[in-house]
Amino acid sequence: MRKLLFFYAPWCSPCRRYAKEYIGPLEQLAGEGKVLRVNAQDAPQMAEKYGVDKIPTVVILDGADVVWKGSEKINIETVAAWLKGE
């Protein structure tokens, strides 16, 4: 299953900005269950598993395989279509 993990922290203003600009709209386009918001403070083992060393970080998964990881801008439409299998 294709998923996007969004690693953030509640106190992180760049995380809030990234969530507003990219993650919120992506959740609406991609559909339920495709985007998972992960509080890196509450889930340090998960952040470590995916090599998250800064926040915000996006990890895109195809099953268990990491397809892309980064903090750069994402193309919301392209990522949503990929998550939906289009």
Protein backbone atom coordinates (compact mmCIF):
# COMPACT_ATOMS: atom_id res chain seq x y z
CA MET A 1 0.00 0.00 0.00
CA ARG A 2 1.26 3.44 -0.89
CA LYS A 3 1.48 5.94 1.96
CA LEU A 4 2.99 9.26 2.87
CA LEU A 5 4.35 9.77 6.38
CA PHE A 6 4.63 13.35 7.57
CA PHE A 7 7.02 13.69 10.52
CA TYR A 8 6.50 16.84 12.57
CA ALA A 9 6.45 18.28 16.09
CA PRO A 10 3.65 20.46 17.49
CA TRP A 11 6.06 23.25 18.50
CA CYS A 12 7.72 23.40 15.05
CA SER A 13 6.54 26.44 13.06
CA PRO A 14 8.05 25.19 9.75
CA CYS A 15 6.11 21.95 10.34
CA ARG A 16 2.84 23.86 10.78
CA ARG A 17 3.51 25.86 7.63
CA TYR A 18 4.38 22.71 5.63
CA ALA A 19 1.26 20.97 6.93
CA LYS A 20 -0.94 23.88 5.91
CA GLU A 21 0.59 24.33 2.45
CA TYR A 22 1.12 20.70 1.44
CA ILE A 23 -0.15 18.03 3.82
CA GLY A 24 -3.69 19.35 4.37
CA PRO A 25 -4.45 19.73 0.65
CA LEU A 26 -2.77 16.37 -0.05
CA GLU A 27 -4.97 14.62 2.51
CA GLN A 28 -8.04 15.96 0.74
CA LEU A 29 -6.85 14.89 -2.73
CA ALA A 30 -5.31 11.52 -1.87
CA GLY A 31 -8.15 10.24 0.27
CA GLU A 32 -8.42 8.71 3.70
CA GLY A 33 -5.62 6.55 5.00
CA LYS A 34 -3.01 7.62 2.44
CA VAL A 35 -1.34 10.31 4.60
CA LEU A 36 -0.20 9.65 8.14
CA ARG A 37 0.91 12.49 10.41
CA VAL A 38 3.59 11.27 12.82
CA ASN A 39 4.57 13.34 15.83
CA ALA A 40 8.31 12.62 15.89
CA GLN A 41 8.46 13.34 19.64
CA ASP A 42 5.76 10.78 20.40
CA ALA A 43 7.12 8.17 17.97
CA PRO A 44 10.94 8.41 18.10
CA GLN A 45 11.36 4.76 17.12
CA MET A 46 9.39 5.32 13.93
CA ALA A 47 11.39 8.45 13.12
CA GLU A 48 14.60 6.49 13.67
CA LYS A 49 13.38 3.61 11.51
CA TYR A 50 13.02 5.98 8.55
CA GLY A 51 16.17 7.97 9.26
CA VAL A 52 14.36 11.19 10.09
CA ASP A 53 16.98 13.58 11.42
CA LYS A 54 15.09 16.86 11.01
CA ILE A 55 11.52 18.04 10.87
CA PRO A 56 9.42 18.50 8.90
CA THR A 57 10.22 15.41 6.87
CA VAL A 58 8.09 13.54 4.38
CA VAL A 59 8.63 9.83 3.71
CA ILE A 60 6.79 8.26 0.78
CA LEU A 61 6.35 4.50 0.97
CA ASP A 62 5.41 1.83 -1.55
CA GLY A 63 4.66 -1.04 0.79
CA ALA A 64 7.70 -1.24 3.06
CA ASP A 65 10.02 0.44 0.55
CA VAL A 66 10.98 4.10 0.91
CA VAL A 67 10.43 5.73 -2.47
CA TRP A 68 11.33 9.28 -1.45
CA LYS A 69 12.36 11.14 1.68
CA GLY A 70 12.86 14.87 2.10
CA SER A 71 11.74 18.23 3.38
CA GLU A 72 11.42 20.00 0.05
CA LYS A 73 8.26 21.22 -1.59
CA ILE A 74 6.13 18.49 -3.11
CA ASN A 75 3.81 18.60 -6.08
CA ILE A 76 0.51 17.89 -4.37
CA GLU A 77 -1.34 16.70 -7.48
CA THR A 78 1.47 14.38 -8.60
CA VAL A 79 1.91 12.84 -5.15
CA ALA A 80 -1.86 12.42 -4.65
CA ALA A 81 -2.19 10.65 -8.01
CA TRP A 82 0.73 8.35 -7.18
CA LEU A 83 -0.71 7.54 -3.73
CA LYS A 84 -4.02 6.63 -5.38
CA GLY A 85 -2.22 4.41 -7.90
CA GLU A 86 -2.92 6.56 -10.93
